[in-house]
Amino acid sequence: MLSCQSASRLVSQSLDRPLHWQEKLALRFHLAICRHCRRFVKQLNQLQSAVKTMMQRTEADASIMLKPEAKARIMHIIQQHH
């Protein structure tokens, strides 16, 4: 049985990579009995949706423009941290 800490870690990791079938199964069992972790999943999904919406609006706003050099620096920093 997963702890809430392990379950929340798996939920977060599932945003970045596909979970193995064992991880999915363990997480499903945990979520079936833990309402707190189900709430965490719901909140994380809402946050992800809000960020996507914000990014779409920002990308569509012509008044917000970064220079190509600034974009390259940001991408370089992001890639270093992954």
C-alpha atoms as a PDB file:
ATOM      1  CA  MET A   1       0.000   0.000   0.000  1.00  0.00           C
ATOM      2  CA  LEU A   2       1.313   3.397  -0.996  1.00  0.00           C
ATOM      3  CA  SER A   3       1.678   6.203   1.503  1.00  0.00           C
ATOM      4  CA  CYS A   4       0.106   9.541   0.644  1.00  0.00           C
ATOM      5  CA  GLN A   5       3.584  10.954   0.080  1.00  0.00           C
ATOM      6  CA  SER A   6       4.429   8.201  -2.424  1.00  0.00           C
ATOM      7  CA  ALA A   7       1.057   8.577  -4.125  1.00  0.00           C
ATOM      8  CA  SER A   8       1.448  12.337  -4.522  1.00  0.00           C
ATOM      9  CA  ARG A   9       4.952  11.813  -5.905  1.00  0.00           C
ATOM     10  CA  LEU A  10       3.597   9.361  -8.500  1.00  0.00           C
ATOM     11  CA  VAL A  11       0.793  11.734  -9.447  1.00  0.00           C
ATOM     12  CA  SER A  12       3.329  14.503 -10.012  1.00  0.00           C
ATOM     13  CA  GLN A  13       5.638  12.208 -11.960  1.00  0.00           C
ATOM     14  CA  SER A  14       2.743  11.131 -14.175  1.00  0.00           C
ATOM     15  CA  LEU A  15       2.707  14.660 -15.587  1.00  0.00           C
ATOM     16  CA  ASP A  16       6.265  14.204 -16.860  1.00  0.00           C
ATOM     17  CA  ARG A  17       6.421  10.533 -17.804  1.00  0.00           C
ATOM     18  CA  PRO A  18       4.190   7.529 -18.327  1.00  0.00           C
ATOM     19  CA  LEU A  19       3.851   5.447 -15.177  1.00  0.00           C
ATOM     20  CA  HIS A  20       4.722   1.753 -15.214  1.00  0.00           C
ATOM     21  CA  TRP A  21       1.752  -0.581 -14.875  1.00  0.00           C
ATOM     22  CA  GLN A  22       2.783  -1.444 -11.304  1.00  0.00           C
ATOM     23  CA  GLU A  23       2.847   2.232 -10.376  1.00  0.00           C
ATOM     24  CA  LYS A  24      -0.535   2.832 -12.024  1.00  0.00           C
ATOM     25  CA  LEU A  25      -2.075  -0.112 -10.185  1.00  0.00           C
ATOM     26  CA  ALA A  26      -0.661   0.915  -6.801  1.00  0.00           C
ATOM     27  CA  LEU A  27      -1.807   4.499  -7.359  1.00  0.00           C
ATOM     28  CA  ARG A  28      -5.327   3.412  -8.368  1.00  0.00           C
ATOM     29  CA  PHE A  29      -5.664   1.312  -5.223  1.00  0.00           C
ATOM     30  CA  HIS A  30      -4.472   4.191  -3.070  1.00  0.00           C
ATOM     31  CA  LEU A  31      -6.789   6.704  -4.760  1.00  0.00           C
ATOM     32  CA  ALA A  32      -9.726   4.329  -4.318  1.00  0.00           C
ATOM     33  CA  ILE A  33      -9.434   4.643  -0.542  1.00  0.00           C
ATOM     34  CA  CYS A  34      -7.854   8.062   0.027  1.00  0.00           C
ATOM     35  CA  ARG A  35     -10.085  11.062  -0.523  1.00  0.00           C
ATOM     36  CA  HIS A  36      -7.263  13.474   0.318  1.00  0.00           C
ATOM     37  CA  CYS A  37      -5.113  12.192  -2.526  1.00  0.00           C
ATOM     38  CA  ARG A  38      -8.108  12.186  -4.891  1.00  0.00           C
ATOM     39  CA  ARG A  39      -8.570  15.854  -3.997  1.00  0.00           C
ATOM     40  CA  PHE A  40      -4.852  16.466  -4.660  1.00  0.00           C
ATOM     41  CA  VAL A  41      -5.201  14.863  -8.120  1.00  0.00           C
ATOM     42  CA  LYS A  42      -8.218  17.049  -8.870  1.00  0.00           C
ATOM     43  CA  GLN A  43      -6.389  20.199  -7.734  1.00  0.00           C
ATOM     44  CA  LEU A  44      -3.284  19.309  -9.732  1.00  0.00           C
ATOM     45  CA  ASN A  45      -5.386  18.755 -12.858  1.00  0.00           C
ATOM     46  CA  GLN A  46      -7.119  22.107 -12.340  1.00  0.00           C
ATOM     47  CA  LEU A  47      -3.763  23.818 -11.892  1.00  0.00           C
ATOM     48  CA  GLN A  48      -2.393  22.197 -15.032  1.00  0.00           C
ATOM     49  CA  SER A  49      -5.456  23.317 -16.986  1.00  0.00           C
ATOM     50  CA  ALA A  50      -5.152  26.879 -15.672  1.00  0.00           C
ATOM     51  CA  VAL A  51      -1.482  27.041 -16.645  1.00  0.00           C
ATOM     52  CA  LYS A  52      -2.255  25.781 -20.159  1.00  0.00           C
ATOM     53  CA  THR A  53      -4.994  28.383 -20.534  1.00  0.00           C
ATOM     54  CA  MET A  54      -2.684  31.131 -19.287  1.00  0.00           C
ATOM     55  CA  MET A  55       0.046  30.042 -21.702  1.00  0.00           C
ATOM     56  CA  GLN A  56      -2.371  30.049 -24.640  1.00  0.00           C
ATOM     57  CA  ARG A  57      -3.609  33.527 -23.776  1.00  0.00           C
ATOM     58  CA  THR A  58      -0.068  34.813 -23.298  1.00  0.00           C
ATOM     59  CA  GLU A  59       1.125  33.357 -26.590  1.00  0.00           C
ATOM     60  CA  ALA A  60      -1.833  34.950 -28.395  1.00  0.00           C
ATOM     61  CA  ASP A  61      -1.168  38.392 -26.864  1.00  0.00           C
ATOM     62  CA  ALA A  62       0.948  40.324 -29.354  1.00  0.00           C
ATOM     63  CA  SER A  63       1.808  42.952 -26.745  1.00  0.00           C
ATOM     64  CA  ILE A  64       3.872  40.384 -24.818  1.00  0.00           C
ATOM     65  CA  MET A  65       6.946  39.607 -26.848  1.00  0.00           C
ATOM     66  CA  LEU A  66      10.331  38.294 -25.807  1.00  0.00           C
ATOM     67  CA  LYS A  67      13.416  38.802 -27.885  1.00  0.00           C
ATOM     68  CA  PRO A  68      14.749  35.578 -29.418  1.00  0.00           C
ATOM     69  CA  GLU A  69      17.864  35.882 -27.230  1.00  0.00           C
ATOM     70  CA  ALA A  70      15.735  35.999 -24.072  1.00  0.00           C
ATOM     71  CA  LYS A  71      13.742  32.953 -25.209  1.00  0.00           C
ATOM     72  CA  ALA A  72      16.971  31.050 -25.871  1.00  0.00           C
ATOM     73  CA  ARG A  73      18.333  31.912 -22.397  1.00  0.00           C
ATOM     74  CA  ILE A  74      15.104  30.780 -20.729  1.00  0.00           C
ATOM     75  CA  MET A  75      15.032  27.511 -22.686  1.00  0.00           C
ATOM     76  CA  HIS A  76      18.674  26.867 -21.803  1.00  0.00           C
ATOM     77  CA  ILE A  77      17.973  27.343 -18.081  1.00  0.00           C
ATOM     78  CA  ILE A  78      14.894  25.115 -18.211  1.00  0.00           C
ATOM     79  CA  GLN A  79      16.818  22.358 -19.967  1.00  0.00           C
ATOM     80  CA  GLN A  80      19.604  22.530 -17.386  1.00  0.00           C
ATOM     81  CA  HIS A  81      17.112  21.874 -14.577  1.00  0.00           C
ATOM     82  CA  HIS A  82      15.536  18.799 -16.198  1.00  0.00           C
END
